[in-house]
């Protein structure tokens, strides 16, 4: 087994790092963690020691850096195919890659308006029409994936493609945003959120975030 270290931001706030961390858990690798506090004057310089992009997450494998959460996912999926980080079914795998790419590059209005914050709640937070449209699109993605490939009600695990994959790692931070801002969702979306929050890997991350003391004010 290679030697791994994962470079992360604060677990309370770092949505991109959460993705990479969950993917590493899915891959079943043992890794050390180095948390670099976000929004500190020396944050960029510290991350640049590990990655030319200066952003988290970064996976260090035997001294080589793999940066960006999607690159980490693809790398680990190739290295550990037996872990089935992508769905096995070709049609499901294609859909999974599409919805992951859409999350990776899109939903900017939601990201800006509903920052990830695991230790606070923001009840009655208004949603702009742009954010509401993105919330609706995310719910449609979840509904489509779970109805077509999740085997919901038929013994499936309740995730987007039955059992957890890279796609669930990418949408897990959105689930936390919906919870923090108490966004009203359709029943199927609420079921998916409950599945994500009950995921043991997710519970491990949330428990670690609860122990943090650093506070970042977003709103």
C-alpha atoms as a PDB file:
ATOM      1  CA  UNK A   1       0.000   0.000   0.000  1.00  0.00           C
ATOM      2  CA  UNK A   2       1.382   3.443  -0.876  1.00  0.00           C
ATOM      3  CA  UNK A   3       1.966   6.041   1.810  1.00  0.00           C
ATOM      4  CA  UNK A   4      -0.824   8.645   1.813  1.00  0.00           C
ATOM      5  CA  UNK A   5      -1.381  12.062   3.370  1.00  0.00           C
ATOM      6  CA  UNK A   6      -4.487  14.178   2.789  1.00  0.00           C
ATOM      7  CA  UNK A   7      -4.163  17.968   3.016  1.00  0.00           C
ATOM      8  CA  UNK A   8      -7.463  19.439   4.192  1.00  0.00           C
ATOM      9  CA  UNK A   9      -9.083  22.666   5.311  1.00  0.00           C
ATOM     10  CA  UNK A  10     -11.199  23.108   8.446  1.00  0.00           C
ATOM     11  CA  UNK A  11     -13.716  20.270   8.572  1.00  0.00           C
ATOM     12  CA  UNK A  12     -16.482  22.645   9.587  1.00  0.00           C
ATOM     13  CA  UNK A  13     -16.174  24.684   6.415  1.00  0.00           C
ATOM     14  CA  UNK A  14     -14.173  22.960   3.681  1.00  0.00           C
ATOM     15  CA  UNK A  15     -16.659  21.459   1.236  1.00  0.00           C
ATOM     16  CA  UNK A  16     -14.035  20.631  -1.379  1.00  0.00           C
ATOM     17  CA  UNK A  17     -11.875  18.850   1.189  1.00  0.00           C
ATOM     18  CA  UNK A  18     -14.894  16.854   2.382  1.00  0.00           C
ATOM     19  CA  UNK A  19     -15.302  15.462  -1.121  1.00  0.00           C
ATOM     20  CA  UNK A  20     -11.711  14.281  -1.369  1.00  0.00           C
ATOM     21  CA  UNK A  21     -11.758  12.860   2.152  1.00  0.00           C
ATOM     22  CA  UNK A  22     -14.940  10.861   1.526  1.00  0.00           C
ATOM     23  CA  UNK A  23     -13.483   9.499  -1.700  1.00  0.00           C
ATOM     24  CA  UNK A  24     -10.363   8.377   0.156  1.00  0.00           C
ATOM     25  CA  UNK A  25     -12.591   6.621   2.680  1.00  0.00           C
ATOM     26  CA  UNK A  26     -14.463   4.921  -0.166  1.00  0.00           C
ATOM     27  CA  UNK A  27     -11.138   3.743  -1.582  1.00  0.00           C
ATOM     28  CA  UNK A  28     -10.326   2.139   1.751  1.00  0.00           C
ATOM     29  CA  UNK A  29      -6.875   3.672   2.025  1.00  0.00           C
ATOM     30  CA  UNK A  30      -5.068   4.530   5.243  1.00  0.00           C
ATOM     31  CA  UNK A  31      -3.935   8.146   5.254  1.00  0.00           C
ATOM     32  CA  UNK A  32      -2.563  10.791   7.546  1.00  0.00           C
ATOM     33  CA  UNK A  33      -4.325  14.145   7.739  1.00  0.00           C
ATOM     34  CA  UNK A  34      -2.908  17.651   7.749  1.00  0.00           C
ATOM     35  CA  UNK A  35      -5.464  20.392   8.369  1.00  0.00           C
ATOM     36  CA  UNK A  36      -4.581  23.880   7.162  1.00  0.00           C
ATOM     37  CA  UNK A  37      -6.825  26.587   8.563  1.00  0.00           C
ATOM     38  CA  UNK A  38      -8.812  28.454   5.933  1.00  0.00           C
ATOM     39  CA  UNK A  39      -8.793  32.227   5.500  1.00  0.00           C
ATOM     40  CA  UNK A  40      -5.540  32.695   7.386  1.00  0.00           C
ATOM     41  CA  UNK A  41      -2.761  34.931   5.987  1.00  0.00           C
ATOM     42  CA  UNK A  42      -0.412  31.981   5.655  1.00  0.00           C
ATOM     43  CA  UNK A  43      -2.956  29.503   4.271  1.00  0.00           C
ATOM     44  CA  UNK A  44      -1.953  29.878   0.625  1.00  0.00           C
ATOM     45  CA  UNK A  45       1.747  29.536   1.370  1.00  0.00           C
ATOM     46  CA  UNK A  46       1.147  26.416   3.446  1.00  0.00           C
ATOM     47  CA  UNK A  47      -0.908  24.712   0.746  1.00  0.00           C
ATOM     48  CA  UNK A  48       1.593  25.714  -1.941  1.00  0.00           C
ATOM     49  CA  UNK A  49       4.136  23.552  -0.169  1.00  0.00           C
ATOM     50  CA  UNK A  50       2.045  20.591  -1.315  1.00  0.00           C
ATOM     51  CA  UNK A  51       0.270  21.725  -4.491  1.00  0.00           C
ATOM     52  CA  UNK A  52       0.964  24.305  -7.213  1.00  0.00           C
ATOM     53  CA  UNK A  53      -2.752  25.177  -7.235  1.00  0.00           C
ATOM     54  CA  UNK A  54      -2.644  26.378  -3.643  1.00  0.00           C
ATOM     55  CA  UNK A  55      -6.030  24.826  -2.859  1.00  0.00           C
ATOM     56  CA  UNK A  56      -7.306  21.912  -0.770  1.00  0.00           C
ATOM     57  CA  UNK A  57      -7.800  19.014  -0.905  1.00  0.00           C
ATOM     58  CA  UNK A  58      -4.460  17.520  -1.896  1.00  0.00           C
ATOM     59  CA  UNK A  59      -3.700  13.816  -1.733  1.00  0.00           C
ATOM     60  CA  UNK A  60      -0.007  13.043  -1.350  1.00  0.00           C
ATOM     61  CA  UNK A  61       0.821   9.548  -2.588  1.00  0.00           C
ATOM     62  CA  UNK A  62       4.411   8.477  -1.953  1.00  0.00           C
ATOM     63  CA  UNK A  63       5.498  12.097  -2.203  1.00  0.00           C
ATOM     64  CA  UNK A  64       3.509  12.879  -5.367  1.00  0.00           C
ATOM     65  CA  UNK A  65       0.648  15.394  -5.160  1.00  0.00           C
ATOM     66  CA  UNK A  66      -2.789  14.776  -6.644  1.00  0.00           C
ATOM     67  CA  UNK A  67      -4.773  17.957  -6.230  1.00  0.00           C
ATOM     68  CA  UNK A  68      -8.405  18.765  -6.969  1.00  0.00           C
ATOM     69  CA  UNK A  69     -11.201  16.569  -5.616  1.00  0.00           C
ATOM     70  CA  UNK A  70     -12.188  15.207  -9.033  1.00  0.00           C
ATOM     71  CA  UNK A  71      -8.604  14.289  -9.887  1.00  0.00           C
ATOM     72  CA  UNK A  72      -8.328  12.518  -6.539  1.00  0.00           C
ATOM     73  CA  UNK A  73     -11.483  10.581  -7.325  1.00  0.00           C
ATOM     74  CA  UNK A  74     -10.336   9.506 -10.772  1.00  0.00           C
ATOM     75  CA  UNK A  75      -6.877   8.579  -9.494  1.00  0.00           C
ATOM     76  CA  UNK A  76      -8.172   6.403  -6.674  1.00  0.00           C
ATOM     77  CA  UNK A  77     -10.829   4.820  -8.895  1.00  0.00           C
ATOM     78  CA  UNK A  78      -8.086   3.725 -11.289  1.00  0.00           C
ATOM     79  CA  UNK A  79      -5.744   2.528  -8.564  1.00  0.00           C
ATOM     80  CA  UNK A  80      -8.399   0.593  -6.628  1.00  0.00           C
ATOM     81  CA  UNK A  81     -10.951  -0.629  -9.193  1.00  0.00           C
ATOM     82  CA  UNK A  82     -12.149  -3.337  -6.830  1.00  0.00           C
ATOM     83  CA  UNK A  83     -13.580  -0.631  -4.565  1.00  0.00           C
ATOM     84  CA  UNK A  84     -16.034   0.415  -7.317  1.00  0.00           C
ATOM     85  CA  UNK A  85     -15.789   4.149  -6.701  1.00  0.00           C
ATOM     86  CA  UNK A  86     -17.785   4.600  -9.914  1.00  0.00           C
ATOM     87  CA  UNK A  87     -20.895   2.486 -10.639  1.00  0.00           C
ATOM     88  CA  UNK A  88     -20.187  -0.764 -12.460  1.00  0.00           C
ATOM     89  CA  UNK A  89     -23.104  -0.451 -14.887  1.00  0.00           C
ATOM     90  CA  UNK A  90     -21.942   1.586 -17.926  1.00  0.00           C
ATOM     91  CA  UNK A  91     -25.100   3.711 -18.148  1.00  0.00           C
ATOM     92  CA  UNK A  92     -25.003   4.429 -14.422  1.00  0.00           C
ATOM     93  CA  UNK A  93     -21.308   5.240 -14.625  1.00  0.00           C
ATOM     94  CA  UNK A  94     -21.892   7.721 -17.437  1.00  0.00           C
ATOM     95  CA  UNK A  95     -24.675   9.414 -15.505  1.00  0.00           C
ATOM     96  CA  UNK A  96     -22.532   9.507 -12.365  1.00  0.00           C
ATOM     97  CA  UNK A  97     -19.725  11.225 -14.243  1.00  0.00           C
ATOM     98  CA  UNK A  98     -22.167  13.756 -15.706  1.00  0.00           C
ATOM     99  CA  UNK A  99     -23.679  14.752 -12.368  1.00  0.00           C
ATOM    100  CA  UNK A 100     -20.254  14.904 -10.722  1.00  0.00           C
ATOM    101  CA  UNK A 101     -18.958  17.167 -13.483  1.00  0.00           C
ATOM    102  CA  UNK A 102     -22.054  19.356 -13.160  1.00  0.00           C
ATOM    103  CA  UNK A 103     -21.455  19.772  -9.437  1.00  0.00           C
ATOM    104  CA  UNK A 104     -17.737  20.309  -9.926  1.00  0.00           C
ATOM    105  CA  UNK A 105     -18.193  23.198 -12.345  1.00  0.00           C
ATOM    106  CA  UNK A 106     -21.625  24.583 -11.517  1.00  0.00           C
ATOM    107  CA  UNK A 107     -24.060  25.752  -8.838  1.00  0.00           C
ATOM    108  CA  UNK A 108     -22.109  28.929  -8.166  1.00  0.00           C
ATOM    109  CA  UNK A 109     -25.128  30.862  -6.847  1.00  0.00           C
ATOM    110  CA  UNK A 110     -25.797  28.179  -4.244  1.00  0.00           C
ATOM    111  CA  UNK A 111     -22.145  27.976  -3.224  1.00  0.00           C
ATOM    112  CA  UNK A 112     -21.953  31.705  -2.632  1.00  0.00           C
ATOM    113  CA  UNK A 113     -25.295  32.078  -0.862  1.00  0.00           C
ATOM    114  CA  UNK A 114     -25.220  28.920   1.287  1.00  0.00           C
ATOM    115  CA  UNK A 115     -21.650  28.335   2.493  1.00  0.00           C
ATOM    116  CA  UNK A 116     -20.840  25.065   4.220  1.00  0.00           C
ATOM    117  CA  UNK A 117     -20.892  25.545   7.986  1.00  0.00           C
ATOM    118  CA  UNK A 118     -21.376  22.392  10.033  1.00  0.00           C
ATOM    119  CA  UNK A 119     -21.543  24.123  13.403  1.00  0.00           C
ATOM    120  CA  UNK A 120     -24.254  26.720  12.817  1.00  0.00           C
ATOM    121  CA  UNK A 121     -27.859  26.959  11.649  1.00  0.00           C
ATOM    122  CA  UNK A 122     -29.368  29.780   9.606  1.00  0.00           C
ATOM    123  CA  UNK A 123     -33.164  29.431   9.858  1.00  0.00           C
ATOM    124  CA  UNK A 124     -35.443  31.446   7.598  1.00  0.00           C
ATOM    125  CA  UNK A 125     -32.583  32.340   5.276  1.00  0.00           C
ATOM    126  CA  UNK A 126     -34.149  33.669   2.050  1.00  0.00           C
ATOM    127  CA  UNK A 127     -33.287  32.058  -1.269  1.00  0.00           C
ATOM    128  CA  UNK A 128     -32.867  34.179  -4.368  1.00  0.00           C
ATOM    129  CA  UNK A 129     -34.553  32.916  -7.550  1.00  0.00           C
ATOM    130  CA  UNK A 130     -31.118  31.831  -8.836  1.00  0.00           C
ATOM    131  CA  UNK A 131     -30.401  29.780  -5.715  1.00  0.00           C
ATOM    132  CA  UNK A 132     -33.911  28.302  -5.685  1.00  0.00           C
ATOM    133  CA  UNK A 133     -33.442  27.193  -9.286  1.00  0.00           C
ATOM    134  CA  UNK A 134     -30.181  25.457  -8.385  1.00  0.00           C
ATOM    135  CA  UNK A 135     -31.807  23.759  -5.390  1.00  0.00           C
ATOM    136  CA  UNK A 136     -34.511  22.471  -7.734  1.00  0.00           C
ATOM    137  CA  UNK A 137     -31.917  21.211 -10.212  1.00  0.00           C
ATOM    138  CA  UNK A 138     -30.021  19.338  -7.488  1.00  0.00           C
ATOM    139  CA  UNK A 139     -33.207  17.682  -6.302  1.00  0.00           C
ATOM    140  CA  UNK A 140     -33.946  16.644  -9.893  1.00  0.00           C
ATOM    141  CA  UNK A 141     -30.468  15.108 -10.177  1.00  0.00           C
ATOM    142  CA  UNK A 142     -30.924  13.141  -6.980  1.00  0.00           C
ATOM    143  CA  UNK A 143     -34.400  11.988  -8.036  1.00  0.00           C
ATOM    144  CA  UNK A 144     -33.222  10.856 -11.469  1.00  0.00           C
ATOM    145  CA  UNK A 145     -30.175   8.959 -10.198  1.00  0.00           C
ATOM    146  CA  UNK A 146     -31.987   7.223  -7.373  1.00  0.00           C
ATOM    147  CA  UNK A 147     -35.061   6.304  -9.415  1.00  0.00           C
ATOM    148  CA  UNK A 148     -33.010   4.926 -12.297  1.00  0.00           C
ATOM    149  CA  UNK A 149     -30.091   3.321 -10.486  1.00  0.00           C
ATOM    150  CA  UNK A 150     -30.510   3.644  -6.731  1.00  0.00           C
ATOM    151  CA  UNK A 151     -32.866   0.683  -6.302  1.00  0.00           C
ATOM    152  CA  UNK A 152     -34.731   2.737  -3.717  1.00  0.00           C
ATOM    153  CA  UNK A 153     -37.171   0.524  -1.865  1.00  0.00           C
ATOM    154  CA  UNK A 154     -35.709  -2.582  -3.463  1.00  0.00           C
ATOM    155  CA  UNK A 155     -32.800  -3.212  -1.132  1.00  0.00           C
ATOM    156  CA  UNK A 156     -30.514  -0.477  -2.399  1.00  0.00           C
ATOM    157  CA  UNK A 157     -28.422   1.495   0.026  1.00  0.00           C
ATOM    158  CA  UNK A 158     -30.309   4.758  -0.497  1.00  0.00           C
ATOM    159  CA  UNK A 159     -27.398   6.469  -2.235  1.00  0.00           C
ATOM    160  CA  UNK A 160     -27.533   7.913  -5.749  1.00  0.00           C
ATOM    161  CA  UNK A 161     -26.461   4.634  -7.334  1.00  0.00           C
ATOM    162  CA  UNK A 162     -27.439   2.165  -4.628  1.00  0.00           C
ATOM    163  CA  UNK A 163     -24.162   2.024  -2.762  1.00  0.00           C
ATOM    164  CA  UNK A 164     -21.933   5.075  -2.098  1.00  0.00           C
ATOM    165  CA  UNK A 165     -19.773   6.300  -4.969  1.00  0.00           C
ATOM    166  CA  UNK A 166     -17.806   9.382  -5.960  1.00  0.00           C
ATOM    167  CA  UNK A 167     -21.129  11.002  -6.876  1.00  0.00           C
ATOM    168  CA  UNK A 168     -22.317  10.853  -3.263  1.00  0.00           C
ATOM    169  CA  UNK A 169     -19.006  12.285  -2.067  1.00  0.00           C
ATOM    170  CA  UNK A 170     -19.536  15.246  -4.386  1.00  0.00           C
ATOM    171  CA  UNK A 171     -23.091  15.933  -3.246  1.00  0.00           C
ATOM    172  CA  UNK A 172     -22.487  15.360   0.479  1.00  0.00           C
ATOM    173  CA  UNK A 173     -21.379  18.981   1.082  1.00  0.00           C
ATOM    174  CA  UNK A 174     -24.625  20.187  -0.504  1.00  0.00           C
ATOM    175  CA  UNK A 175     -26.557  18.070   1.959  1.00  0.00           C
ATOM    176  CA  UNK A 176     -24.826  19.875   4.834  1.00  0.00           C
ATOM    177  CA  UNK A 177     -25.684  23.238   3.280  1.00  0.00           C
ATOM    178  CA  UNK A 178     -29.334  22.286   2.992  1.00  0.00           C
ATOM    179  CA  UNK A 179     -29.318  21.208   6.629  1.00  0.00           C
ATOM    180  CA  UNK A 180     -27.506  24.303   7.904  1.00  0.00           C
ATOM    181  CA  UNK A 181     -29.852  26.651   6.074  1.00  0.00           C
ATOM    182  CA  UNK A 182     -32.945  24.523   6.722  1.00  0.00           C
ATOM    183  CA  UNK A 183     -33.850  24.457   3.046  1.00  0.00           C
ATOM    184  CA  UNK A 184     -37.283  22.983   2.371  1.00  0.00           C
ATOM    185  CA  UNK A 185     -36.931  19.902   0.161  1.00  0.00           C
ATOM    186  CA  UNK A 186     -39.200  17.309  -1.378  1.00  0.00           C
ATOM    187  CA  UNK A 187     -39.590  14.047   0.523  1.00  0.00           C
ATOM    188  CA  UNK A 188     -37.255  12.057  -1.755  1.00  0.00           C
ATOM    189  CA  UNK A 189     -34.514  14.656  -1.317  1.00  0.00           C
ATOM    190  CA  UNK A 190     -34.962  14.601   2.449  1.00  0.00           C
ATOM    191  CA  UNK A 191     -34.565  10.819   2.356  1.00  0.00           C
ATOM    192  CA  UNK A 192     -31.336  11.173   0.429  1.00  0.00           C
ATOM    193  CA  UNK A 193     -30.050  13.789   2.891  1.00  0.00           C
ATOM    194  CA  UNK A 194     -30.796  11.399   5.753  1.00  0.00           C
ATOM    195  CA  UNK A 195     -28.862   8.654   3.954  1.00  0.00           C
ATOM    196  CA  UNK A 196     -25.835  10.907   3.566  1.00  0.00           C
ATOM    197  CA  UNK A 197     -25.894  12.110   7.157  1.00  0.00           C
ATOM    198  CA  UNK A 198     -26.153   8.506   8.414  1.00  0.00           C
ATOM    199  CA  UNK A 199     -23.170   7.403   6.298  1.00  0.00           C
ATOM    200  CA  UNK A 200     -20.494   6.345   8.834  1.00  0.00           C
ATOM    201  CA  UNK A 201     -17.753   8.220   6.985  1.00  0.00           C
ATOM    202  CA  UNK A 202     -19.884  11.363   7.041  1.00  0.00           C
ATOM    203  CA  UNK A 203     -20.578  10.951  10.738  1.00  0.00           C
ATOM    204  CA  UNK A 204     -16.847  10.657  11.383  1.00  0.00           C
ATOM    205  CA  UNK A 205     -16.204  13.949   9.536  1.00  0.00           C
ATOM    206  CA  UNK A 206     -19.056  15.749  11.331  1.00  0.00           C
ATOM    207  CA  UNK A 207     -17.823  14.549  14.729  1.00  0.00           C
ATOM    208  CA  UNK A 208     -14.340  15.890  13.981  1.00  0.00           C
ATOM    209  CA  UNK A 209     -15.817  19.215  12.858  1.00  0.00           C
ATOM    210  CA  UNK A 210     -17.701  19.506  16.149  1.00  0.00           C
ATOM    211  CA  UNK A 211     -14.373  19.438  17.997  1.00  0.00           C
ATOM    212  CA  UNK A 212     -12.971  22.420  16.070  1.00  0.00           C
ATOM    213  CA  UNK A 213     -12.808  25.822  17.744  1.00  0.00           C
ATOM    214  CA  UNK A 214     -11.833  28.054  14.812  1.00  0.00           C
ATOM    215  CA  UNK A 215     -14.732  30.278  13.687  1.00  0.00           C
ATOM    216  CA  UNK A 216     -15.199  31.756  10.228  1.00  0.00           C
ATOM    217  CA  UNK A 217     -18.015  34.267   9.720  1.00  0.00           C
ATOM    218  CA  UNK A 218     -19.509  33.904   6.266  1.00  0.00           C
ATOM    219  CA  UNK A 219     -22.747  35.871   6.598  1.00  0.00           C
END
